[in-house]
Amino acid sequence: MAITAQMVKELRESTGAGMMDAKKALTETDGNMEAAVDWLRTKGLAKAAKKADRVAAEGLVSVAVTDGRGVALEVNSETDFVAKNEDFQALVRDITNVALDVGESVEVVKAAHLNGKTVEGVLTDAIARIGENMTLRRMQMLEGDTIVSYVHSAATEGMGKIGVLVALKGPADKAQEIGKQIAMHIAATSPLSLSEATLDAAVVERELAVQTQKAHEENKSSAKPKPDAVIENNIIPGRMKKFLSEVTLLSQAFVINPDVTVEQAAKEAGVEVTGFVRLAVGEGVEKKEEDFAAEVAKTLGA
């Protein structure tokens, strides 16, 4: 596969690796971006890259809560200008309220009725009126004794760039107080799962492969190599423990008080975290880069 300058640029931006290292990584992995990231990591040339760092889209994430039930959904637009439009925000709010009632899935919400039409029909009308493509892309529901919501980089009440829901068990007043702090923590740290037990096995397997190869390569180049048994029984398990503490919510150091984990902070507050949802605008959506002038011209229909 031909390695392009754009591919090298993307890999450099997502990993912080040098140009020649990025090019070599892509060459060694036949242009596979994820494999190239892992190749760089095994060589100690890059940190773990998050897909969200390499992709973007505009729009809003909206959250709403009622009676132990919460919804977070993402509605995409082509430009940030539309995301700041009051009509668009009102539309997102209406769709969020529908989703809170009907739940289940994006498809069910699209088929549900809003102002005498289906949600999908209302979106189609808005596209024609505003002149920009829009889509209801994702939705997640969360249930629990107490659901707390938080929006980061809010554009208006209940919607912004990042939306978080946290489910907690315990006294409602205590759950609300610590829940807001934990929701802010989730927005900042973007954990992959609630705990090790709920973490995707494929993620663990991939990280183990990277850390195993990296540890053995470092050992080979060391002035005082350690026995393989030390690498397998101490070094690699230690690195995996650190990885799990960084990507699972309950094991993360609490941003408000790094001396305790999120699980410990919740326990000290007299509650238990039972689940969470985090949506950020644009995760997993490739966006064509445009300069500012082009975006303005597009918005004005030029």
C-alpha atoms as a PDB file:
ATOM      1  CA  MET A   1       0.000   0.000   0.000  1.00  0.00           C
ATOM      2  CA  ALA A   2       1.328   3.464  -0.894  1.00  0.00           C
ATOM      3  CA  ILE A   3       2.118   5.545   2.180  1.00  0.00           C
ATOM      4  CA  THR A   4       0.949   9.124   1.661  1.00  0.00           C
ATOM      5  CA  ALA A   5       2.097  12.316   3.347  1.00  0.00           C
ATOM      6  CA  GLN A   6      -1.409  12.736   4.782  1.00  0.00           C
ATOM      7  CA  MET A   7      -1.190   9.300   6.433  1.00  0.00           C
ATOM      8  CA  VAL A   8       2.162  10.186   7.967  1.00  0.00           C
ATOM      9  CA  LYS A   9       0.775  13.533   9.158  1.00  0.00           C
ATOM     10  CA  GLU A  10      -2.254  11.872  10.764  1.00  0.00           C
ATOM     11  CA  LEU A  11      -0.119   9.308  12.563  1.00  0.00           C
ATOM     12  CA  ARG A  12       2.293  11.978  13.805  1.00  0.00           C
ATOM     13  CA  GLU A  13      -0.539  14.122  15.144  1.00  0.00           C
ATOM     14  CA  SER A  14      -2.202  11.236  16.944  1.00  0.00           C
ATOM     15  CA  THR A  15       0.954   9.781  18.517  1.00  0.00           C
ATOM     16  CA  GLY A  16       3.543  12.550  18.742  1.00  0.00           C
ATOM     17  CA  ALA A  17       6.053  10.369  16.870  1.00  0.00           C
ATOM     18  CA  GLY A  18       8.696  11.821  14.526  1.00  0.00           C
ATOM     19  CA  MET A  19       8.110  11.967  10.787  1.00  0.00           C
ATOM     20  CA  MET A  20      10.547   9.184   9.863  1.00  0.00           C
ATOM     21  CA  ASP A  21       9.312   6.955  12.700  1.00  0.00           C
ATOM     22  CA  ALA A  22       5.707   7.472  11.595  1.00  0.00           C
ATOM     23  CA  LYS A  23       6.582   6.664   7.993  1.00  0.00           C
ATOM     24  CA  LYS A  24       8.473   3.535   9.004  1.00  0.00           C
ATOM     25  CA  ALA A  25       5.591   2.390  11.213  1.00  0.00           C
ATOM     26  CA  LEU A  26       3.136   2.736   8.334  1.00  0.00           C
ATOM     27  CA  THR A  27       5.507   0.952   5.981  1.00  0.00           C
ATOM     28  CA  GLU A  28       5.995  -1.927   8.415  1.00  0.00           C
ATOM     29  CA  THR A  29       2.233  -2.317   8.886  1.00  0.00           C
ATOM     30  CA  ASP A  30       1.201  -1.812   5.247  1.00  0.00           C
ATOM     31  CA  GLY A  31      -0.626   1.417   6.016  1.00  0.00           C
ATOM     32  CA  ASN A  32      -2.815   0.041   8.816  1.00  0.00           C
ATOM     33  CA  MET A  33      -3.213   3.032  11.168  1.00  0.00           C
ATOM     34  CA  GLU A  34      -4.066   1.113  14.357  1.00  0.00           C
ATOM     35  CA  ALA A  35      -1.295  -1.413  13.765  1.00  0.00           C
ATOM     36  CA  ALA A  36       1.122   1.468  13.114  1.00  0.00           C
ATOM     37  CA  VAL A  37       0.193   3.022  16.455  1.00  0.00           C
ATOM     38  CA  ASP A  38       0.874  -0.296  18.196  1.00  0.00           C
ATOM     39  CA  TRP A  39       4.188  -0.667  16.301  1.00  0.00           C
ATOM     40  CA  LEU A  40       5.297   2.756  17.541  1.00  0.00           C
ATOM     41  CA  ARG A  41       4.252   1.909  21.084  1.00  0.00           C
ATOM     42  CA  THR A  42       6.244  -1.332  21.107  1.00  0.00           C
ATOM     43  CA  LYS A  43       9.280   0.727  20.131  1.00  0.00           C
ATOM     44  CA  GLY A  44       8.579   3.225  22.892  1.00  0.00           C
ATOM     45  CA  LEU A  45       7.981   5.962  20.316  1.00  0.00           C
ATOM     46  CA  ALA A  46       4.367   6.804  21.080  1.00  0.00           C
ATOM     47  CA  LYS A  47       1.747   6.827  23.780  1.00  0.00           C
ATOM     48  CA  ALA A  48      -1.561   5.042  23.363  1.00  0.00           C
ATOM     49  CA  ALA A  49      -3.581   7.034  20.859  1.00  0.00           C
ATOM     50  CA  LYS A  50      -7.300   7.549  21.268  1.00  0.00           C
ATOM     51  CA  LYS A  51      -9.398   7.497  18.144  1.00  0.00           C
ATOM     52  CA  ALA A  52     -11.194  10.584  19.361  1.00  0.00           C
ATOM     53  CA  ASP A  53      -7.943  12.525  18.977  1.00  0.00           C
ATOM     54  CA  ARG A  54      -7.903  11.822  15.255  1.00  0.00           C
ATOM     55  CA  VAL A  55     -11.506  12.409  14.290  1.00  0.00           C
ATOM     56  CA  ALA A  56     -14.019  15.216  14.473  1.00  0.00           C
ATOM     57  CA  ALA A  57     -17.565  16.265  13.607  1.00  0.00           C
ATOM     58  CA  GLU A  58     -19.801  19.125  14.623  1.00  0.00           C
ATOM     59  CA  GLY A  59     -23.109  19.087  16.426  1.00  0.00           C
ATOM     60  CA  LEU A  60     -24.282  18.606  20.003  1.00  0.00           C
ATOM     61  CA  VAL A  61     -24.555  15.955  22.669  1.00  0.00           C
ATOM     62  CA  SER A  62     -27.717  16.357  24.732  1.00  0.00           C
ATOM     63  CA  VAL A  63     -28.599  14.784  28.098  1.00  0.00           C
ATOM     64  CA  ALA A  64     -31.860  14.535  30.034  1.00  0.00           C
ATOM     65  CA  VAL A  65     -32.904  12.705  33.198  1.00  0.00           C
ATOM     66  CA  THR A  66     -36.192  11.716  34.809  1.00  0.00           C
ATOM     67  CA  ASP A  67     -37.093   9.256  37.585  1.00  0.00           C
ATOM     68  CA  GLY A  68     -34.000   7.073  37.589  1.00  0.00           C
ATOM     69  CA  ARG A  69     -33.714   7.085  33.821  1.00  0.00           C
ATOM     70  CA  GLY A  70     -31.350   9.112  31.679  1.00  0.00           C
ATOM     71  CA  VAL A  71     -30.604   9.541  27.996  1.00  0.00           C
ATOM     72  CA  ALA A  72     -27.611  10.943  26.140  1.00  0.00           C
ATOM     73  CA  LEU A  73     -27.756  11.437  22.394  1.00  0.00           C
ATOM     74  CA  GLU A  74     -25.675  12.992  19.649  1.00  0.00           C
ATOM     75  CA  VAL A  75     -27.062  14.984  16.747  1.00  0.00           C
ATOM     76  CA  ASN A  76     -24.444  15.911  14.155  1.00  0.00           C
ATOM     77  CA  SER A  77     -24.331  18.936  11.895  1.00  0.00           C
ATOM     78  CA  GLU A  78     -21.816  19.886   9.246  1.00  0.00           C
ATOM     79  CA  THR A  79     -20.581  23.076  10.920  1.00  0.00           C
ATOM     80  CA  ASP A  80     -20.261  24.524  14.377  1.00  0.00           C
ATOM     81  CA  PHE A  81     -22.283  27.530  13.218  1.00  0.00           C
ATOM     82  CA  VAL A  82     -25.404  25.377  13.059  1.00  0.00           C
ATOM     83  CA  ALA A  83     -24.615  23.775  16.436  1.00  0.00           C
ATOM     84  CA  LYS A  84     -24.780  27.262  17.954  1.00  0.00           C
ATOM     85  CA  ASN A  85     -28.105  28.021  16.247  1.00  0.00           C
ATOM     86  CA  GLU A  86     -31.075  28.317  18.634  1.00  0.00           C
ATOM     87  CA  ASP A  87     -33.401  26.515  16.200  1.00  0.00           C
ATOM     88  CA  PHE A  88     -31.010  23.578  15.992  1.00  0.00           C
ATOM     89  CA  GLN A  89     -30.662  23.489  19.776  1.00  0.00           C
ATOM     90  CA  ALA A  90     -34.453  23.508  20.181  1.00  0.00           C
ATOM     91  CA  LEU A  91     -34.695  20.611  17.722  1.00  0.00           C
ATOM     92  CA  VAL A  92     -32.072  18.629  19.644  1.00  0.00           C
ATOM     93  CA  ARG A  93     -33.926  19.299  22.892  1.00  0.00           C
ATOM     94  CA  ASP A  94     -37.210  18.064  21.408  1.00  0.00           C
ATOM     95  CA  ILE A  95     -35.573  14.898  20.099  1.00  0.00           C
ATOM     96  CA  THR A  96     -33.950  14.302  23.489  1.00  0.00           C
ATOM     97  CA  ASN A  97     -37.327  14.483  25.225  1.00  0.00           C
ATOM     98  CA  VAL A  98     -38.759  11.993  22.733  1.00  0.00           C
ATOM     99  CA  ALA A  99     -35.787   9.667  23.317  1.00  0.00           C
ATOM    100  CA  LEU A 100     -36.286   9.892  27.068  1.00  0.00           C
ATOM    101  CA  ASP A 101     -39.846   8.631  26.584  1.00  0.00           C
ATOM    102  CA  VAL A 102     -39.369   5.901  23.978  1.00  0.00           C
ATOM    103  CA  GLY A 103     -35.729   4.897  24.511  1.00  0.00           C
ATOM    104  CA  GLU A 104     -34.509   1.587  23.091  1.00  0.00           C
ATOM    105  CA  SER A 105     -32.534   2.681  20.015  1.00  0.00           C
ATOM    106  CA  VAL A 106     -31.804   5.401  17.473  1.00  0.00           C
ATOM    107  CA  GLU A 107     -34.096   3.644  14.986  1.00  0.00           C
ATOM    108  CA  VAL A 108     -37.002   3.642  17.449  1.00  0.00           C
ATOM    109  CA  VAL A 109     -36.470   7.338  18.197  1.00  0.00           C
ATOM    110  CA  LYS A 110     -36.345   8.224  14.480  1.00  0.00           C
ATOM    111  CA  ALA A 111     -39.694   6.456  13.976  1.00  0.00           C
ATOM    112  CA  ALA A 112     -41.311   8.119  16.989  1.00  0.00           C
ATOM    113  CA  HIS A 113     -43.604  11.102  16.533  1.00  0.00           C
ATOM    114  CA  LEU A 114     -42.699  14.720  17.136  1.00  0.00           C
ATOM    115  CA  ASN A 115     -45.071  17.586  16.320  1.00  0.00           C
ATOM    116  CA  GLY A 116     -47.208  15.424  14.056  1.00  0.00           C
ATOM    117  CA  LYS A 117     -44.327  13.892  12.110  1.00  0.00           C
ATOM    118  CA  THR A 118     -41.705  11.260  12.722  1.00  0.00           C
ATOM    119  CA  VAL A 119     -38.444  12.475  14.236  1.00  0.00           C
ATOM    120  CA  GLU A 120     -36.741  11.494  11.001  1.00  0.00           C
ATOM    121  CA  GLY A 121     -39.251  13.602   9.060  1.00  0.00           C
ATOM    122  CA  VAL A 122     -38.661  16.578  11.349  1.00  0.00           C
ATOM    123  CA  LEU A 123     -34.922  16.235  10.782  1.00  0.00           C
ATOM    124  CA  THR A 124     -35.471  16.120   7.017  1.00  0.00           C
ATOM    125  CA  ASP A 125     -37.511  19.326   7.197  1.00  0.00           C
ATOM    126  CA  ALA A 126     -34.778  20.986   9.255  1.00  0.00           C
ATOM    127  CA  ILE A 127     -32.164  19.980   6.707  1.00  0.00           C
ATOM    128  CA  ALA A 128     -34.201  21.612   3.944  1.00  0.00           C
ATOM    129  CA  ARG A 129     -34.819  24.729   6.026  1.00  0.00           C
ATOM    130  CA  ILE A 130     -31.291  25.231   7.371  1.00  0.00           C
ATOM    131  CA  GLY A 131     -29.494  23.947   4.283  1.00  0.00           C
ATOM    132  CA  GLU A 132     -27.080  21.664   6.079  1.00  0.00           C
ATOM    133  CA  ASN A 133     -27.030  17.936   6.612  1.00  0.00           C
ATOM    134  CA  MET A 134     -27.959  16.728  10.102  1.00  0.00           C
ATOM    135  CA  THR A 135     -28.243  13.281  11.590  1.00  0.00           C
ATOM    136  CA  LEU A 136     -29.305  11.643  14.819  1.00  0.00           C
ATOM    137  CA  ARG A 137     -26.227   9.490  15.183  1.00  0.00           C
ATOM    138  CA  ARG A 138     -26.039   7.877  18.615  1.00  0.00           C
ATOM    139  CA  MET A 139     -28.108   7.382  21.737  1.00  0.00           C
ATOM    140  CA  GLN A 140     -27.470   5.649  25.049  1.00  0.00           C
ATOM    141  CA  MET A 141     -29.823   5.067  27.949  1.00  0.00           C
ATOM    142  CA  LEU A 142     -28.889   4.573  31.596  1.00  0.00           C
ATOM    143  CA  GLU A 143     -31.036   3.467  34.521  1.00  0.00           C
ATOM    144  CA  GLY A 144     -30.344   3.427  38.248  1.00  0.00           C
ATOM    145  CA  ASP A 145     -31.530   4.502  41.669  1.00  0.00           C
ATOM    146  CA  THR A 146     -30.142   7.980  40.983  1.00  0.00           C
ATOM    147  CA  ILE A 147     -28.989   9.325  37.620  1.00  0.00           C
ATOM    148  CA  VAL A 148     -26.787  12.420  37.534  1.00  0.00           C
ATOM    149  CA  SER A 149     -26.001  14.295  34.316  1.00  0.00           C
ATOM    150  CA  TYR A 150     -23.238  16.689  33.327  1.00  0.00           C
ATOM    151  CA  VAL A 151     -22.425  18.593  30.147  1.00  0.00           C
ATOM    152  CA  HIS A 152     -18.954  19.888  29.356  1.00  0.00           C
ATOM    153  CA  SER A 153     -18.439  22.897  27.070  1.00  0.00           C
ATOM    154  CA  ALA A 154     -22.152  23.590  27.251  1.00  0.00           C
ATOM    155  CA  ALA A 155     -23.721  25.480  24.345  1.00  0.00           C
ATOM    156  CA  THR A 156     -26.972  25.806  26.282  1.00  0.00           C
ATOM    157  CA  GLU A 157     -28.755  24.036  29.128  1.00  0.00           C
ATOM    158  CA  GLY A 158     -28.311  20.263  28.894  1.00  0.00           C
ATOM    159  CA  MET A 159     -26.257  20.127  25.697  1.00  0.00           C
ATOM    160  CA  GLY A 160     -22.691  20.695  24.582  1.00  0.00           C
ATOM    161  CA  LYS A 161     -19.576  18.946  23.320  1.00  0.00           C
ATOM    162  CA  ILE A 162     -19.461  16.178  25.950  1.00  0.00           C
ATOM    163  CA  GLY A 163     -22.400  14.652  27.794  1.00  0.00           C
ATOM    164  CA  VAL A 164     -22.138  12.337  30.804  1.00  0.00           C
ATOM    165  CA  LEU A 165     -24.623  10.261  32.784  1.00  0.00           C
ATOM    166  CA  VAL A 166     -23.750   8.473  36.022  1.00  0.00           C
ATOM    167  CA  ALA A 167     -25.883   5.874  37.801  1.00  0.00           C
ATOM    168  CA  LEU A 168     -25.511   5.537  41.562  1.00  0.00           C
ATOM    169  CA  LYS A 169     -26.996   3.469  44.366  1.00  0.00           C
ATOM    170  CA  GLY A 170     -27.456   4.976  47.810  1.00  0.00           C
ATOM    171  CA  PRO A 171     -29.026   8.004  49.509  1.00  0.00           C
ATOM    172  CA  ALA A 172     -30.237  10.394  46.790  1.00  0.00           C
ATOM    173  CA  ASP A 173     -28.774  13.560  48.325  1.00  0.00           C
ATOM    174  CA  LYS A 174     -25.327  12.025  48.695  1.00  0.00           C
ATOM    175  CA  ALA A 175     -25.560  10.455  45.239  1.00  0.00           C
ATOM    176  CA  GLN A 176     -26.349  13.832  43.666  1.00  0.00           C
ATOM    177  CA  GLU A 177     -23.406  15.550  45.340  1.00  0.00           C
ATOM    178  CA  ILE A 178     -20.687  13.004  44.609  1.00  0.00           C
ATOM    179  CA  GLY A 179     -22.349  12.052  41.312  1.00  0.00           C
ATOM    180  CA  LYS A 180     -21.776  15.496  39.825  1.00  0.00           C
ATOM    181  CA  GLN A 181     -18.086  15.313  40.740  1.00  0.00           C
ATOM    182  CA  ILE A 182     -17.759  11.817  39.272  1.00  0.00           C
ATOM    183  CA  ALA A 183     -19.537  12.937  36.093  1.00  0.00           C
ATOM    184  CA  MET A 184     -17.019  15.766  35.708  1.00  0.00           C
ATOM    185  CA  HIS A 185     -14.240  13.240  36.303  1.00  0.00           C
ATOM    186  CA  ILE A 186     -15.635  11.003  33.536  1.00  0.00           C
ATOM    187  CA  ALA A 187     -15.812  13.934  31.118  1.00  0.00           C
ATOM    188  CA  ALA A 188     -12.133  14.660  31.778  1.00  0.00           C
ATOM    189  CA  THR A 189     -10.704  11.122  31.797  1.00  0.00           C
ATOM    190  CA  SER A 190     -12.930   9.248  29.321  1.00  0.00           C
ATOM    191  CA  PRO A 191     -12.737   5.786  30.956  1.00  0.00           C
ATOM    192  CA  LEU A 192     -13.284   2.799  28.687  1.00  0.00           C
ATOM    193  CA  SER A 193     -15.466   0.879  31.125  1.00  0.00           C
ATOM    194  CA  LEU A 194     -16.827   0.839  34.668  1.00  0.00           C
ATOM    195  CA  SER A 195     -14.451  -1.860  35.886  1.00  0.00           C
ATOM    196  CA  GLU A 196     -12.047  -4.536  34.691  1.00  0.00           C
ATOM    197  CA  ALA A 197     -14.935  -7.009  34.624  1.00  0.00           C
ATOM    198  CA  THR A 198     -16.811  -4.916  32.037  1.00  0.00           C
ATOM    199  CA  LEU A 199     -13.814  -3.974  29.891  1.00  0.00           C
ATOM    200  CA  ASP A 200     -13.807  -5.318  26.329  1.00  0.00           C
ATOM    201  CA  ALA A 201     -11.623  -8.440  26.262  1.00  0.00           C
ATOM    202  CA  ALA A 202     -10.238  -7.413  22.858  1.00  0.00           C
ATOM    203  CA  VAL A 203      -8.909  -4.170  24.369  1.00  0.00           C
ATOM    204  CA  VAL A 204      -7.152  -6.090  27.140  1.00  0.00           C
ATOM    205  CA  GLU A 205      -5.711  -8.589  24.669  1.00  0.00           C
ATOM    206  CA  ARG A 206      -4.375  -5.846  22.413  1.00  0.00           C
ATOM    207  CA  GLU A 207      -2.754  -3.983  25.309  1.00  0.00           C
ATOM    208  CA  LEU A 208      -1.214  -7.185  26.654  1.00  0.00           C
ATOM    209  CA  ALA A 209       0.333  -7.910  23.243  1.00  0.00           C
ATOM    210  CA  VAL A 210       1.807  -4.402  23.065  1.00  0.00           C
ATOM    211  CA  GLN A 211       3.191  -4.459  26.610  1.00  0.00           C
ATOM    212  CA  THR A 212       4.617  -7.961  26.205  1.00  0.00           C
ATOM    213  CA  GLN A 213       6.525  -7.105  23.042  1.00  0.00           C
ATOM    214  CA  LYS A 214       7.631  -3.749  24.421  1.00  0.00           C
ATOM    215  CA  ALA A 215       8.922  -5.257  27.672  1.00  0.00           C
ATOM    216  CA  HIS A 216      10.938  -7.955  25.883  1.00  0.00           C
ATOM    217  CA  GLU A 217      12.415  -5.478  23.386  1.00  0.00           C
ATOM    218  CA  GLU A 218      13.445  -3.121  26.185  1.00  0.00           C
ATOM    219  CA  ASN A 219      14.983  -6.012  28.065  1.00  0.00           C
ATOM    220  CA  LYS A 220      17.030  -7.103  25.042  1.00  0.00           C
ATOM    221  CA  SER A 221      18.557  -3.639  24.697  1.00  0.00           C
ATOM    222  CA  SER A 222      19.201  -3.256  28.436  1.00  0.00           C
ATOM    223  CA  ALA A 223      22.769  -3.251  29.762  1.00  0.00           C
ATOM    224  CA  LYS A 224      21.615  -5.664  32.465  1.00  0.00           C
ATOM    225  CA  PRO A 225      18.887  -7.897  31.006  1.00  0.00           C
ATOM    226  CA  LYS A 226      16.463  -9.477  33.463  1.00  0.00           C
ATOM    227  CA  PRO A 227      15.463 -13.161  33.353  1.00  0.00           C
ATOM    228  CA  ASP A 228      12.388 -13.854  31.197  1.00  0.00           C
ATOM    229  CA  ALA A 229      10.555 -15.022  34.307  1.00  0.00           C
ATOM    230  CA  VAL A 230      10.901 -11.554  35.843  1.00  0.00           C
ATOM    231  CA  ILE A 231       9.544  -9.954  32.683  1.00  0.00           C
ATOM    232  CA  GLU A 232       6.584 -12.340  32.459  1.00  0.00           C
ATOM    233  CA  ASN A 233       5.723 -12.512  36.156  1.00  0.00           C
ATOM    234  CA  ASN A 234       6.511  -8.988  37.339  1.00  0.00           C
ATOM    235  CA  ILE A 235       7.090  -6.371  34.653  1.00  0.00           C
ATOM    236  CA  ILE A 236       4.214  -7.202  32.306  1.00  0.00           C
ATOM    237  CA  PRO A 237       1.586  -7.796  35.055  1.00  0.00           C
ATOM    238  CA  GLY A 238       2.669  -4.513  36.671  1.00  0.00           C
ATOM    239  CA  ARG A 239       2.178  -2.611  33.445  1.00  0.00           C
ATOM    240  CA  MET A 240      -1.189  -4.220  32.837  1.00  0.00           C
ATOM    241  CA  LYS A 241      -2.300  -3.306  36.364  1.00  0.00           C
ATOM    242  CA  LYS A 242      -1.327   0.293  35.664  1.00  0.00           C
ATOM    243  CA  PHE A 243      -3.190   0.230  32.341  1.00  0.00           C
ATOM    244  CA  LEU A 244      -6.365  -1.082  33.969  1.00  0.00           C
ATOM    245  CA  SER A 245      -6.168   1.550  36.694  1.00  0.00           C
ATOM    246  CA  GLU A 246      -6.036   4.227  34.008  1.00  0.00           C
ATOM    247  CA  VAL A 247      -8.907   3.073  31.779  1.00  0.00           C
ATOM    248  CA  THR A 248     -11.515   1.670  34.203  1.00  0.00           C
ATOM    249  CA  LEU A 249     -13.590   4.246  36.074  1.00  0.00           C
ATOM    250  CA  LEU A 250     -13.707   2.646  39.499  1.00  0.00           C
ATOM    251  CA  SER A 251      -9.935   2.128  39.561  1.00  0.00           C
ATOM    252  CA  GLN A 252      -8.966   5.592  38.309  1.00  0.00           C
ATOM    253  CA  ALA A 253      -7.443   8.115  40.686  1.00  0.00           C
ATOM    254  CA  PHE A 254     -10.260  10.532  41.489  1.00  0.00           C
ATOM    255  CA  VAL A 255      -9.601  13.896  39.830  1.00  0.00           C
ATOM    256  CA  ILE A 256     -11.000  15.775  42.846  1.00  0.00           C
ATOM    257  CA  ASN A 257      -8.731  13.851  45.234  1.00  0.00           C
ATOM    258  CA  PRO A 258      -6.029  11.763  43.481  1.00  0.00           C
ATOM    259  CA  ASP A 259      -5.152  10.040  46.766  1.00  0.00           C
ATOM    260  CA  VAL A 260      -8.240   7.834  46.413  1.00  0.00           C
ATOM    261  CA  THR A 261      -9.852   5.954  43.549  1.00  0.00           C
ATOM    262  CA  VAL A 262     -13.288   6.812  42.221  1.00  0.00           C
ATOM    263  CA  GLU A 263     -14.625   3.665  43.870  1.00  0.00           C
ATOM    264  CA  GLN A 264     -13.171   4.700  47.242  1.00  0.00           C
ATOM    265  CA  ALA A 265     -14.499   8.250  46.909  1.00  0.00           C
ATOM    266  CA  ALA A 266     -17.997   6.931  46.212  1.00  0.00           C
ATOM    267  CA  LYS A 267     -17.794   4.511  49.134  1.00  0.00           C
ATOM    268  CA  GLU A 268     -16.671   7.274  51.476  1.00  0.00           C
ATOM    269  CA  ALA A 269     -19.696   9.301  50.329  1.00  0.00           C
ATOM    270  CA  GLY A 270     -21.946   6.366  51.170  1.00  0.00           C
ATOM    271  CA  VAL A 271     -22.888   5.434  47.589  1.00  0.00           C
ATOM    272  CA  GLU A 272     -21.962   2.985  44.832  1.00  0.00           C
ATOM    273  CA  VAL A 273     -21.396   3.781  41.149  1.00  0.00           C
ATOM    274  CA  THR A 274     -23.312   1.251  39.056  1.00  0.00           C
ATOM    275  CA  GLY A 275     -22.866   2.595  35.533  1.00  0.00           C
ATOM    276  CA  PHE A 276     -22.046   5.533  33.308  1.00  0.00           C
ATOM    277  CA  VAL A 277     -22.411   6.900  29.791  1.00  0.00           C
ATOM    278  CA  ARG A 278     -20.070   9.356  28.086  1.00  0.00           C
ATOM    279  CA  LEU A 279     -20.658  10.767  24.605  1.00  0.00           C
ATOM    280  CA  ALA A 280     -18.438  13.327  22.908  1.00  0.00           C
ATOM    281  CA  VAL A 281     -19.324  15.071  19.676  1.00  0.00           C
ATOM    282  CA  GLY A 282     -17.561  13.563  16.681  1.00  0.00           C
ATOM    283  CA  GLU A 283     -16.143  10.355  18.120  1.00  0.00           C
ATOM    284  CA  GLY A 284     -15.509   7.992  15.219  1.00  0.00           C
ATOM    285  CA  VAL A 285     -16.618  10.390  12.480  1.00  0.00           C
ATOM    286  CA  GLU A 286     -14.044  11.440   9.924  1.00  0.00           C
ATOM    287  CA  LYS A 287     -14.441  15.078   8.979  1.00  0.00           C
ATOM    288  CA  LYS A 288     -13.099  16.631   5.825  1.00  0.00           C
ATOM    289  CA  GLU A 289     -10.757  19.442   6.791  1.00  0.00           C
ATOM    290  CA  GLU A 290     -11.783  22.874   5.606  1.00  0.00           C
ATOM    291  CA  ASP A 291     -10.214  26.237   6.270  1.00  0.00           C
ATOM    292  CA  PHE A 292     -12.247  28.839   8.116  1.00  0.00           C
ATOM    293  CA  ALA A 293     -12.991  30.894   5.003  1.00  0.00           C
ATOM    294  CA  ALA A 294     -14.320  27.812   3.223  1.00  0.00           C
ATOM    295  CA  GLU A 295     -16.535  26.951   6.197  1.00  0.00           C
ATOM    296  CA  VAL A 296     -17.969  30.495   6.246  1.00  0.00           C
ATOM    297  CA  ALA A 297     -18.605  30.389   2.505  1.00  0.00           C
ATOM    298  CA  LYS A 298     -20.304  27.019   2.852  1.00  0.00           C
ATOM    299  CA  THR A 299     -22.533  28.282   5.648  1.00  0.00           C
ATOM    300  CA  LEU A 300     -23.554  31.330   3.625  1.00  0.00           C
ATOM    301  CA  GLY A 301     -24.269  29.157   0.594  1.00  0.00           C
ATOM    302  CA  ALA A 302     -21.500  30.746  -1.467  1.00  0.00           C
END
